[in-house]
Amino acid sequence: MPNADQLETAKKNVRDGCVLFEHKEGSKLVDTKDIGALVRSLGVNPSGAQVTIIIDQLAALNSEGQNNSLLSMEHIEIVVANFLVQQKKALFRDDYHTLLRAFRALDQEGKGFVDAEHLRTLMCSRGEPMTEEEVNKMLGNAVNEDGKLKLYYVSTDP
């Protein structure tokens, strides 16, 4: 069971994040389409399904509002803070070493790089697929002129 301090800290973080995604300055409203980015800006990595749960909860609270795409910061603070505290372990990003192991799995020959097209195919078709736009943004500056993504290993330990 989360304590009051954890919830208050989460609420403050959500309030601070909401300001960055405010629809119009001073409106205290955030567009539904920005909820995923807002939550991710808080240092967590929710799945699409988790973002949908948050949006559904917000929509239920916002059902009386005239514009269903704009959500009250007050509602966002309550729903997202509670979700962050209750789902803490399921939301946090993988650490550096976990990510290195994942990239090493893609570089089975130990060449120090991954073919960008192979990575693109995997990211768009496996697990929770990313969109082409998301993959393009991610790989945009990371891929060299040969179409390779260089991997920087600190060591070769698993």
Foldseek 3Di string as FASTA:
>chain_A
DDDPVLLVVLLVLLLVLCCVQPPDHPPQKHFLVCQQVSLVVSQWADAPVLSVVLLVQQLVVCVVPPDSRIGHSVSSSVSSSVCCRVCVVVIHDDDPVVVLVVVCVQVVVPPQKHQLVVVQVCQQPDDRHDDPVVSCVVCVPQADPVRIRGHDDPDDDD
